[in-house]
């Protein structure tokens, strides 16, 4: 499992940077308008489907992280929850896997 840790970390960083590039680009074009962003997310059925897909995945990941953190007493893993909802599942999931795979846990 230790060989996977660097891969998880790289994926967490990529999952933070790559989506954030597009969010910042959007904010640069339209201003900091979260309501407008939500409207844009639901511009058509395909994008609404993706939003709901990621929302359900984020909720499932949150339930898993909380349950695992309590069972393992790995409180550092809870950092993945704000990462998931502030950045996305693409950051939160590999970040949690990175934190969970620490030696000694």
PDB file of N, CA and C in Angstrom:
ATOM      1  N   UNK A   1       0.803  -1.204   0.000  1.00  0.00           N
ATOM      2  CA  UNK A   1       0.000   0.000   0.000  1.00  0.00           C
ATOM      3  C   UNK A   1       0.849   1.273   0.000  1.00  0.00           C
ATOM      4  N   UNK A   2       2.030   1.288   0.633  1.00  0.00           N
ATOM      5  CA  UNK A   2       2.826   2.522   0.637  1.00  0.00           C
ATOM      6  C   UNK A   2       3.180   3.025  -0.767  1.00  0.00           C
ATOM      7  N   UNK A   3       3.271   2.132  -1.744  1.00  0.00           N
ATOM      8  CA  UNK A   3       3.607   2.573  -3.108  1.00  0.00           C
ATOM      9  C   UNK A   3       2.483   3.402  -3.708  1.00  0.00           C
ATOM     10  N   UNK A   4       1.262   3.229  -3.213  1.00  0.00           N
ATOM     11  CA  UNK A   4       0.128   3.988  -3.732  1.00  0.00           C
ATOM     12  C   UNK A   4       0.042   5.399  -3.148  1.00  0.00           C
ATOM     13  N   UNK A   5       0.636   5.638  -1.996  1.00  0.00           N
ATOM     14  CA  UNK A   5       0.533   6.948  -1.338  1.00  0.00           C
ATOM     15  C   UNK A   5       0.933   8.095  -2.256  1.00  0.00           C
ATOM     16  N   UNK A   6       2.083   8.035  -2.953  1.00  0.00           N
ATOM     17  CA  UNK A   6       2.429   9.161  -3.830  1.00  0.00           C
ATOM     18  C   UNK A   6       1.425   9.346  -4.974  1.00  0.00           C
ATOM     19  N   UNK A   7       0.867   8.243  -5.443  1.00  0.00           N
ATOM     20  CA  UNK A   7      -0.133   8.340  -6.515  1.00  0.00           C
ATOM     21  C   UNK A   7      -1.379   9.053  -5.991  1.00  0.00           C
ATOM     22  N   UNK A   8      -1.835   8.688  -4.784  1.00  0.00           N
ATOM     23  CA  UNK A   8      -2.991   9.356  -4.186  1.00  0.00           C
ATOM     24  C   UNK A   8      -2.728  10.852  -4.010  1.00  0.00           C
ATOM     25  N   UNK A   9      -1.528  11.192  -3.551  1.00  0.00           N
ATOM     26  CA  UNK A   9      -1.187  12.595  -3.338  1.00  0.00           C
ATOM     27  C   UNK A   9      -1.179  13.362  -4.656  1.00  0.00           C
ATOM     28  N   UNK A  10      -0.585  12.787  -5.678  1.00  0.00           N
ATOM     29  CA  UNK A  10      -0.557  13.434  -7.000  1.00  0.00           C
ATOM     30  C   UNK A  10      -1.979  13.624  -7.526  1.00  0.00           C
ATOM     31  N   UNK A  11      -2.823  12.612  -7.367  1.00  0.00           N
ATOM     32  CA  UNK A  11      -4.212  12.726  -7.822  1.00  0.00           C
ATOM     33  C   UNK A  11      -4.974  13.780  -7.030  1.00  0.00           C
ATOM     34  N   UNK A  12      -4.717  13.881  -5.724  1.00  0.00           N
ATOM     35  CA  UNK A  12      -5.382  14.907  -4.907  1.00  0.00           C
ATOM     36  C   UNK A  12      -4.970  16.308  -5.353  1.00  0.00           C
ATOM     37  N   UNK A  13      -3.687  16.492  -5.633  1.00  0.00           N
ATOM     38  CA  UNK A  13      -3.214  17.800  -6.097  1.00  0.00           C
ATOM     39  C   UNK A  13      -3.799  18.110  -7.468  1.00  0.00           C
ATOM     40  N   UNK A  14      -3.751  17.146  -8.353  1.00  0.00           N
ATOM     41  CA  UNK A  14      -4.333  17.337  -9.687  1.00  0.00           C
ATOM     42  C   UNK A  14      -5.835  17.623  -9.569  1.00  0.00           C
ATOM     43  N   UNK A  15      -6.510  16.879  -8.694  1.00  0.00           N
ATOM     44  CA  UNK A  15      -7.944  17.068  -8.482  1.00  0.00           C
ATOM     45  C   UNK A  15      -8.294  18.403  -7.867  1.00  0.00           C
ATOM     46  N   UNK A  16      -7.326  19.061  -7.250  1.00  0.00           N
ATOM     47  CA  UNK A  16      -7.545  20.409  -6.717  1.00  0.00           C
ATOM     48  C   UNK A  16      -7.226  21.473  -7.761  1.00  0.00           C
ATOM     49  N   UNK A  17      -6.109  21.305  -8.443  1.00  0.00           N
ATOM     50  CA  UNK A  17      -5.619  22.340  -9.362  1.00  0.00           C
ATOM     51  C   UNK A  17      -6.421  22.385 -10.660  1.00  0.00           C
ATOM     52  N   UNK A  18      -6.655  21.258 -11.266  1.00  0.00           N
ATOM     53  CA  UNK A  18      -7.284  21.235 -12.586  1.00  0.00           C
ATOM     54  C   UNK A  18      -8.710  21.814 -12.566  1.00  0.00           C
ATOM     55  N   UNK A  19      -9.597  21.347 -11.682  1.00  0.00           N
ATOM     56  CA  UNK A  19     -10.926  21.963 -11.645  1.00  0.00           C
ATOM     57  C   UNK A  19     -10.884  23.437 -11.234  1.00  0.00           C
ATOM     58  N   UNK A  20      -9.979  23.776 -10.304  1.00  0.00           N
ATOM     59  CA  UNK A  20      -9.895  25.156  -9.836  1.00  0.00           C
ATOM     60  C   UNK A  20      -9.505  26.104 -10.967  1.00  0.00           C
ATOM     61  N   UNK A  21      -8.708  25.629 -11.896  1.00  0.00           N
ATOM     62  CA  UNK A  21      -8.339  26.429 -13.066  1.00  0.00           C
ATOM     63  C   UNK A  21      -9.606  26.889 -13.800  1.00  0.00           C
ATOM     64  N   UNK A  22     -10.531  25.970 -14.002  1.00  0.00           N
ATOM     65  CA  UNK A  22     -11.764  26.298 -14.721  1.00  0.00           C
ATOM     66  C   UNK A  22     -12.685  27.182 -13.883  1.00  0.00           C
ATOM     67  N   UNK A  23     -12.758  26.922 -12.575  1.00  0.00           N
ATOM     68  CA  UNK A  23     -13.573  27.775 -11.715  1.00  0.00           C
ATOM     69  C   UNK A  23     -13.043  29.204 -11.716  1.00  0.00           C
ATOM     70  N   UNK A  24     -11.749  29.365 -11.574  1.00  0.00           N
ATOM     71  CA  UNK A  24     -11.155  30.705 -11.561  1.00  0.00           C
ATOM     72  C   UNK A  24     -11.313  31.395 -12.907  1.00  0.00           C
ATOM     73  N   UNK A  25     -11.209  30.639 -13.974  1.00  0.00           N
ATOM     74  CA  UNK A  25     -11.425  31.196 -15.305  1.00  0.00           C
ATOM     75  C   UNK A  25     -12.862  31.698 -15.427  1.00  0.00           C
ATOM     76  N   UNK A  26     -13.805  30.929 -14.939  1.00  0.00           N
ATOM     77  CA  UNK A  26     -15.214  31.316 -14.991  1.00  0.00           C
ATOM     78  C   UNK A  26     -15.453  32.570 -14.156  1.00  0.00           C
ATOM     79  N   UNK A  27     -14.896  32.607 -12.936  1.00  0.00           N
ATOM     80  CA  UNK A  27     -15.046  33.784 -12.079  1.00  0.00           C
ATOM     81  C   UNK A  27     -14.401  35.010 -12.722  1.00  0.00           C
ATOM     82  N   UNK A  28     -13.290  34.820 -13.415  1.00  0.00           N
ATOM     83  CA  UNK A  28     -12.639  35.926 -14.104  1.00  0.00           C
ATOM     84  C   UNK A  28     -13.504  36.512 -15.212  1.00  0.00           C
ATOM     85  N   UNK A  29     -14.266  35.667 -15.867  1.00  0.00           N
ATOM     86  CA  UNK A  29     -15.132  36.123 -16.966  1.00  0.00           C
ATOM     87  C   UNK A  29     -16.444  36.718 -16.469  1.00  0.00           C
ATOM     88  N   UNK A  30     -16.992  36.175 -15.379  1.00  0.00           N
ATOM     89  CA  UNK A  30     -18.338  36.562 -14.954  1.00  0.00           C
ATOM     90  C   UNK A  30     -18.381  37.288 -13.619  1.00  0.00           C
ATOM     91  N   UNK A  31     -17.259  37.360 -12.920  1.00  0.00           N
ATOM     92  CA  UNK A  31     -17.256  37.906 -11.565  1.00  0.00           C
ATOM     93  C   UNK A  31     -17.577  36.810 -10.562  1.00  0.00           C
ATOM     94  N   UNK A  32     -17.416  37.132  -9.299  1.00  0.00           N
ATOM     95  CA  UNK A  32     -17.633  36.138  -8.244  1.00  0.00           C
ATOM     96  C   UNK A  32     -19.123  36.048  -7.954  1.00  0.00           C
ATOM     97  N   UNK A  33     -19.815  35.249  -8.756  1.00  0.00           N
ATOM     98  CA  UNK A  33     -21.262  35.102  -8.665  1.00  0.00           C
ATOM     99  C   UNK A  33     -21.589  33.626  -8.505  1.00  0.00           C
ATOM    100  N   UNK A  34     -21.703  33.188  -7.240  1.00  0.00           N
ATOM    101  CA  UNK A  34     -21.983  31.772  -6.989  1.00  0.00           C
ATOM    102  C   UNK A  34     -23.356  31.378  -7.513  1.00  0.00           C
ATOM    103  N   UNK A  35     -24.325  32.281  -7.425  1.00  0.00           N
ATOM    104  CA  UNK A  35     -25.653  31.988  -7.951  1.00  0.00           C
ATOM    105  C   UNK A  35     -25.608  31.761  -9.452  1.00  0.00           C
ATOM    106  N   UNK A  36     -24.823  32.579 -10.142  1.00  0.00           N
ATOM    107  CA  UNK A  36     -24.667  32.406 -11.581  1.00  0.00           C
ATOM    108  C   UNK A  36     -23.987  31.099 -11.925  1.00  0.00           C
ATOM    109  N   UNK A  37     -23.060  30.687 -11.075  1.00  0.00           N
ATOM    110  CA  UNK A  37     -22.384  29.420 -11.313  1.00  0.00           C
ATOM    111  C   UNK A  37     -23.360  28.254 -11.175  1.00  0.00           C
ATOM    112  N   UNK A  38     -24.222  28.318 -10.164  1.00  0.00           N
ATOM    113  CA  UNK A  38     -25.217  27.258  -9.979  1.00  0.00           C
ATOM    114  C   UNK A  38     -26.167  27.214 -11.175  1.00  0.00           C
ATOM    115  N   UNK A  39     -26.562  28.378 -11.652  1.00  0.00           N
ATOM    116  CA  UNK A  39     -27.423  28.426 -12.844  1.00  0.00           C
ATOM    117  C   UNK A  39     -26.697  27.804 -14.036  1.00  0.00           C
ATOM    118  N   UNK A  40     -25.405  28.107 -14.190  1.00  0.00           N
ATOM    119  CA  UNK A  40     -24.618  27.552 -15.300  1.00  0.00           C
ATOM    120  C   UNK A  40     -24.488  26.033 -15.179  1.00  0.00           C
ATOM    121  N   UNK A  41     -24.393  25.540 -13.949  1.00  0.00           N
ATOM    122  CA  UNK A  41     -24.304  24.092 -13.751  1.00  0.00           C
ATOM    123  C   UNK A  41     -25.550  23.378 -14.251  1.00  0.00           C
ATOM    124  N   UNK A  42     -26.667  24.086 -14.260  1.00  0.00           N
ATOM    125  CA  UNK A  42     -27.937  23.486 -14.683  1.00  0.00           C
ATOM    126  C   UNK A  42     -28.389  24.041 -16.029  1.00  0.00           C
ATOM    127  N   UNK A  43     -27.442  24.348 -16.894  1.00  0.00           N
ATOM    128  CA  UNK A  43     -27.749  24.930 -18.204  1.00  0.00           C
ATOM    129  C   UNK A  43     -28.495  23.953 -19.104  1.00  0.00           C
ATOM    130  N   UNK A  44     -28.258  22.668 -18.942  1.00  0.00           N
ATOM    131  CA  UNK A  44     -28.957  21.662 -19.751  1.00  0.00           C
ATOM    132  C   UNK A  44     -29.024  20.357 -18.960  1.00  0.00           C
ATOM    133  N   UNK A  45     -29.704  19.380 -19.526  1.00  0.00           N
ATOM    134  CA  UNK A  45     -29.907  18.111 -18.822  1.00  0.00           C
ATOM    135  C   UNK A  45     -28.594  17.375 -18.559  1.00  0.00           C
ATOM    136  N   UNK A  46     -27.666  17.461 -19.489  1.00  0.00           N
ATOM    137  CA  UNK A  46     -26.386  16.763 -19.317  1.00  0.00           C
ATOM    138  C   UNK A  46     -25.604  17.342 -18.143  1.00  0.00           C
ATOM    139  N   UNK A  47     -25.515  18.665 -18.064  1.00  0.00           N
ATOM    140  CA  UNK A  47     -24.756  19.263 -16.961  1.00  0.00           C
ATOM    141  C   UNK A  47     -25.489  19.060 -15.632  1.00  0.00           C
ATOM    142  N   UNK A  48     -26.817  19.096 -15.631  1.00  0.00           N
ATOM    143  CA  UNK A  48     -27.570  18.816 -14.399  1.00  0.00           C
ATOM    144  C   UNK A  48     -27.319  17.385 -13.926  1.00  0.00           C
ATOM    145  N   UNK A  49     -27.261  16.457 -14.872  1.00  0.00           N
ATOM    146  CA  UNK A  49     -26.959  15.071 -14.519  1.00  0.00           C
ATOM    147  C   UNK A  49     -25.593  14.931 -13.878  1.00  0.00           C
ATOM    148  N   UNK A  50     -24.603  15.630 -14.417  1.00  0.00           N
ATOM    149  CA  UNK A  50     -23.259  15.591 -13.834  1.00  0.00           C
ATOM    150  C   UNK A  50     -23.233  16.213 -12.441  1.00  0.00           C
ATOM    151  N   UNK A  51     -23.962  17.323 -12.270  1.00  0.00           N
ATOM    152  CA  UNK A  51     -24.015  17.965 -10.954  1.00  0.00           C
ATOM    153  C   UNK A  51     -24.596  17.002  -9.927  1.00  0.00           C
ATOM    154  N   UNK A  52     -25.707  16.348 -10.272  1.00  0.00           N
ATOM    155  CA  UNK A  52     -26.315  15.415  -9.334  1.00  0.00           C
ATOM    156  C   UNK A  52     -25.444  14.191  -9.104  1.00  0.00           C
ATOM    157  N   UNK A  53     -24.776  13.718 -10.129  1.00  0.00           N
ATOM    158  CA  UNK A  53     -23.859  12.589  -9.994  1.00  0.00           C
ATOM    159  C   UNK A  53     -22.760  12.921  -8.992  1.00  0.00           C
ATOM    160  N   UNK A  54     -22.155  14.082  -9.138  1.00  0.00           N
ATOM    161  CA  UNK A  54     -21.069  14.488  -8.241  1.00  0.00           C
ATOM    162  C   UNK A  54     -21.579  14.816  -6.838  1.00  0.00           C
ATOM    163  N   UNK A  55     -22.784  15.352  -6.743  1.00  0.00           N
ATOM    164  CA  UNK A  55     -23.355  15.659  -5.427  1.00  0.00           C
ATOM    165  C   UNK A  55     -23.601  14.369  -4.639  1.00  0.00           C
ATOM    166  N   UNK A  56     -24.185  13.382  -5.299  1.00  0.00           N
ATOM    167  CA  UNK A  56     -24.432  12.100  -4.630  1.00  0.00           C
ATOM    168  C   UNK A  56     -23.107  11.421  -4.264  1.00  0.00           C
ATOM    169  N   UNK A  57     -22.121  11.484  -5.156  1.00  0.00           N
ATOM    170  CA  UNK A  57     -20.798  10.911  -4.856  1.00  0.00           C
ATOM    171  C   UNK A  57     -20.163  11.628  -3.669  1.00  0.00           C
ATOM    172  N   UNK A  58     -20.306  12.946  -3.591  1.00  0.00           N
ATOM    173  CA  UNK A  58     -19.731  13.710  -2.480  1.00  0.00           C
ATOM    174  C   UNK A  58     -20.400  13.338  -1.158  1.00  0.00           C
ATOM    175  N   UNK A  59     -21.708  13.151  -1.179  1.00  0.00           N
ATOM    176  CA  UNK A  59     -22.419  12.749   0.041  1.00  0.00           C
ATOM    177  C   UNK A  59     -21.999  11.341   0.466  1.00  0.00           C
ATOM    178  N   UNK A  60     -21.910  10.428  -0.486  1.00  0.00           N
ATOM    179  CA  UNK A  60     -21.474   9.066  -0.173  1.00  0.00           C
ATOM    180  C   UNK A  60     -20.050   9.059   0.381  1.00  0.00           C
ATOM    181  N   UNK A  61     -19.174   9.855  -0.216  1.00  0.00           N
ATOM    182  CA  UNK A  61     -17.796   9.946   0.279  1.00  0.00           C
ATOM    183  C   UNK A  61     -17.768  10.515   1.694  1.00  0.00           C
ATOM    184  N   UNK A  62     -18.600  11.495   1.970  1.00  0.00           N
ATOM    185  CA  UNK A  62     -18.655  12.096   3.304  1.00  0.00           C
ATOM    186  C   UNK A  62     -19.103  11.073   4.344  1.00  0.00           C
ATOM    187  N   UNK A  63     -20.136  10.304   4.027  1.00  0.00           N
ATOM    188  CA  UNK A  63     -20.610   9.267   4.957  1.00  0.00           C
ATOM    189  C   UNK A  63     -19.489   8.256   5.207  1.00  0.00           C
ATOM    190  N   UNK A  64     -18.793   7.845   4.145  1.00  0.00           N
ATOM    191  CA  UNK A  64     -17.691   6.890   4.274  1.00  0.00           C
ATOM    192  C   UNK A  64     -16.554   7.466   5.118  1.00  0.00           C
ATOM    193  N   UNK A  65     -16.176   8.695   4.850  1.00  0.00           N
ATOM    194  CA  UNK A  65     -15.070   9.326   5.587  1.00  0.00           C
ATOM    195  C   UNK A  65     -15.407   9.437   7.066  1.00  0.00           C
ATOM    196  N   UNK A  66     -16.613   9.871   7.380  1.00  0.00           N
ATOM    197  CA  UNK A  66     -17.007   9.995   8.792  1.00  0.00           C
ATOM    198  C   UNK A  66     -16.995   8.621   9.461  1.00  0.00           C
ATOM    199  N   UNK A  67     -17.603   7.623   8.828  1.00  0.00           N
ATOM    200  CA  UNK A  67     -17.652   6.282   9.419  1.00  0.00           C
ATOM    201  C   UNK A  67     -16.248   5.706   9.613  1.00  0.00           C
ATOM    202  N   UNK A  68     -15.405   5.832   8.616  1.00  0.00           N
ATOM    203  CA  UNK A  68     -14.035   5.310   8.712  1.00  0.00           C
ATOM    204  C   UNK A  68     -13.201   6.089   9.728  1.00  0.00           C
ATOM    205  N   UNK A  69     -13.377   7.396   9.765  1.00  0.00           N
ATOM    206  CA  UNK A  69     -12.604   8.213  10.710  1.00  0.00           C
ATOM    207  C   UNK A  69     -12.965   7.868  12.149  1.00  0.00           C
ATOM    208  N   UNK A  70     -14.235   7.637  12.411  1.00  0.00           N
ATOM    209  CA  UNK A  70     -14.662   7.263  13.754  1.00  0.00           C
ATOM    210  C   UNK A  70     -14.146   5.862  14.091  1.00  0.00           C
ATOM    211  N   UNK A  71     -14.299   4.921  13.178  1.00  0.00           N
ATOM    212  CA  UNK A  71     -13.875   3.543  13.440  1.00  0.00           C
ATOM    213  C   UNK A  71     -12.363   3.440  13.634  1.00  0.00           C
ATOM    214  N   UNK A  72     -11.604   4.182  12.834  1.00  0.00           N
ATOM    215  CA  UNK A  72     -10.143   4.102  12.900  1.00  0.00           C
ATOM    216  C   UNK A  72      -9.535   5.139  13.834  1.00  0.00           C
ATOM    217  N   UNK A  73     -10.369   6.056  14.300  1.00  0.00           N
ATOM    218  CA  UNK A  73      -9.894   7.200  15.092  1.00  0.00           C
ATOM    219  C   UNK A  73      -8.819   7.973  14.336  1.00  0.00           C
ATOM    220  N   UNK A  74      -9.051   8.090  13.039  1.00  0.00           N
ATOM    221  CA  UNK A  74      -8.146   8.809  12.139  1.00  0.00           C
ATOM    222  C   UNK A  74      -8.776  10.161  11.835  1.00  0.00           C
ATOM    223  N   UNK A  75      -8.669  11.085  12.790  1.00  0.00           N
ATOM    224  CA  UNK A  75      -9.358  12.361  12.681  1.00  0.00           C
ATOM    225  C   UNK A  75      -8.803  13.223  11.560  1.00  0.00           C
ATOM    226  N   UNK A  76      -7.574  12.999  11.168  1.00  0.00           N
ATOM    227  CA  UNK A  76      -6.994  13.773  10.061  1.00  0.00           C
ATOM    228  C   UNK A  76      -7.750  13.528   8.760  1.00  0.00           C
ATOM    229  N   UNK A  77      -8.358  12.361   8.639  1.00  0.00           N
ATOM    230  CA  UNK A  77      -9.117  12.041   7.432  1.00  0.00           C
ATOM    231  C   UNK A  77     -10.308  12.955   7.203  1.00  0.00           C
ATOM    232  N   UNK A  78     -10.791  13.593   8.271  1.00  0.00           N
ATOM    233  CA  UNK A  78     -11.934  14.489   8.145  1.00  0.00           C
ATOM    234  C   UNK A  78     -11.629  15.717   7.290  1.00  0.00           C
ATOM    235  N   UNK A  79     -10.360  15.995   7.068  1.00  0.00           N
ATOM    236  CA  UNK A  79      -9.961  17.115   6.197  1.00  0.00           C
ATOM    237  C   UNK A  79     -10.488  16.905   4.776  1.00  0.00           C
ATOM    238  N   UNK A  80     -10.734  15.667   4.413  1.00  0.00           N
ATOM    239  CA  UNK A  80     -11.228  15.366   3.070  1.00  0.00           C
ATOM    240  C   UNK A  80     -12.645  15.891   2.841  1.00  0.00           C
ATOM    241  N   UNK A  81     -13.402  16.103   3.909  1.00  0.00           N
ATOM    242  CA  UNK A  81     -14.783  16.572   3.733  1.00  0.00           C
ATOM    243  C   UNK A  81     -14.831  17.998   3.200  1.00  0.00           C
ATOM    244  N   UNK A  82     -14.175  18.976   3.837  1.00  0.00           N
ATOM    245  CA  UNK A  82     -14.197  20.317   3.232  1.00  0.00           C
ATOM    246  C   UNK A  82     -13.516  20.357   1.863  1.00  0.00           C
ATOM    247  N   UNK A  83     -12.500  19.527   1.671  1.00  0.00           N
ATOM    248  CA  UNK A  83     -11.856  19.473   0.352  1.00  0.00           C
ATOM    249  C   UNK A  83     -12.847  18.995  -0.695  1.00  0.00           C
ATOM    250  N   UNK A  84     -13.697  18.047  -0.322  1.00  0.00           N
ATOM    251  CA  UNK A  84     -14.693  17.520  -1.260  1.00  0.00           C
ATOM    252  C   UNK A  84     -15.721  18.580  -1.624  1.00  0.00           C
ATOM    253  N   UNK A  85     -16.236  19.305  -0.635  1.00  0.00           N
ATOM    254  CA  UNK A  85     -17.315  20.260  -0.907  1.00  0.00           C
ATOM    255  C   UNK A  85     -16.810  21.624  -1.371  1.00  0.00           C
ATOM    256  N   UNK A  86     -15.573  21.976  -1.063  1.00  0.00           N
ATOM    257  CA  UNK A  86     -15.030  23.266  -1.521  1.00  0.00           C
ATOM    258  C   UNK A  86     -14.315  23.147  -2.866  1.00  0.00           C
ATOM    259  N   UNK A  87     -13.745  21.985  -3.142  1.00  0.00           N
ATOM    260  CA  UNK A  87     -13.014  21.789  -4.399  1.00  0.00           C
ATOM    261  C   UNK A  87     -13.732  20.773  -5.261  1.00  0.00           C
ATOM    262  N   UNK A  88     -13.919  19.558  -4.733  1.00  0.00           N
ATOM    263  CA  UNK A  88     -14.622  18.538  -5.487  1.00  0.00           C
ATOM    264  C   UNK A  88     -14.205  17.141  -5.073  1.00  0.00           C
ATOM    265  N   UNK A  89     -14.972  16.175  -5.546  1.00  0.00           N
ATOM    266  CA  UNK A  89     -14.688  14.769  -5.280  1.00  0.00           C
ATOM    267  C   UNK A  89     -13.322  14.395  -5.853  1.00  0.00           C
ATOM    268  N   UNK A  90     -12.932  15.039  -6.945  1.00  0.00           N
ATOM    269  CA  UNK A  90     -11.648  14.735  -7.575  1.00  0.00           C
ATOM    270  C   UNK A  90     -10.467  15.059  -6.671  1.00  0.00           C
ATOM    271  N   UNK A  91     -10.665  15.902  -5.692  1.00  0.00           N
ATOM    272  CA  UNK A  91      -9.630  16.195  -4.698  1.00  0.00           C
ATOM    273  C   UNK A  91      -9.886  15.420  -3.409  1.00  0.00           C
ATOM    274  N   UNK A  92     -11.136  15.428  -2.945  1.00  0.00           N
ATOM    275  CA  UNK A  92     -11.471  14.832  -1.654  1.00  0.00           C
ATOM    276  C   UNK A  92     -11.211  13.345  -1.556  1.00  0.00           C
ATOM    277  N   UNK A  93     -11.571  12.589  -2.595  1.00  0.00           N
ATOM    278  CA  UNK A  93     -11.381  11.137  -2.547  1.00  0.00           C
ATOM    279  C   UNK A  93      -9.906  10.747  -2.511  1.00  0.00           C
ATOM    280  N   UNK A  94      -9.077  11.216  -3.448  1.00  0.00           N
ATOM    281  CA  UNK A  94      -7.668  10.815  -3.344  1.00  0.00           C
ATOM    282  C   UNK A  94      -6.977  11.380  -2.102  1.00  0.00           C
ATOM    283  N   UNK A  95      -7.422  12.545  -1.626  1.00  0.00           N
ATOM    284  CA  UNK A  95      -6.847  13.085  -0.391  1.00  0.00           C
ATOM    285  C   UNK A  95      -7.155  12.154   0.774  1.00  0.00           C
ATOM    286  N   UNK A  96      -8.404  11.687   0.869  1.00  0.00           N
ATOM    287  CA  UNK A  96      -8.739  10.766   1.947  1.00  0.00           C
ATOM    288  C   UNK A  96      -7.952   9.462   1.831  1.00  0.00           C
ATOM    289  N   UNK A  97      -7.829   8.933   0.626  1.00  0.00           N
ATOM    290  CA  UNK A  97      -7.066   7.698   0.442  1.00  0.00           C
ATOM    291  C   UNK A  97      -5.603   7.895   0.834  1.00  0.00           C
ATOM    292  N   UNK A  98      -5.066   9.060   0.528  1.00  0.00           N
ATOM    293  CA  UNK A  98      -3.687   9.388   0.935  1.00  0.00           C
ATOM    294  C   UNK A  98      -3.581   9.404   2.463  1.00  0.00           C
ATOM    295  N   UNK A  99      -4.507  10.102   3.117  1.00  0.00           N
ATOM    296  CA  UNK A  99      -4.457  10.199   4.581  1.00  0.00           C
ATOM    297  C   UNK A  99      -4.725   8.856   5.246  1.00  0.00           C
ATOM    298  N   UNK A 100      -5.600   8.063   4.670  1.00  0.00           N
ATOM    299  CA  UNK A 100      -5.957   6.758   5.227  1.00  0.00           C
ATOM    300  C   UNK A 100      -4.821   5.748   5.111  1.00  0.00           C
ATOM    301  N   UNK A 101      -3.982   5.906   4.110  1.00  0.00           N
ATOM    302  CA  UNK A 101      -2.924   4.925   3.867  1.00  0.00           C
ATOM    303  C   UNK A 101      -1.621   5.244   4.590  1.00  0.00           C
ATOM    304  N   UNK A 102      -1.689   6.168   5.546  1.00  0.00           N
ATOM    305  CA  UNK A 102      -0.486   6.471   6.323  1.00  0.00           C
ATOM    306  C   UNK A 102       0.010   5.237   7.068  1.00  0.00           C
ATOM    307  N   UNK A 103       1.307   5.060   7.120  1.00  0.00           N
ATOM    308  CA  UNK A 103       1.849   3.931   7.890  1.00  0.00           C
ATOM    309  C   UNK A 103       1.464   4.071   9.361  1.00  0.00           C
ATOM    310  N   UNK A 104       1.148   2.959   9.990  1.00  0.00           N
ATOM    311  CA  UNK A 104       0.816   2.967  11.406  1.00  0.00           C
ATOM    312  C   UNK A 104      -0.663   3.113  11.702  1.00  0.00           C
ATOM    313  N   UNK A 105      -1.489   3.237  10.656  1.00  0.00           N
ATOM    314  CA  UNK A 105      -2.934   3.340  10.913  1.00  0.00           C
ATOM    315  C   UNK A 105      -3.616   2.026  10.642  1.00  0.00           C
TER     316      UNK A 105
END
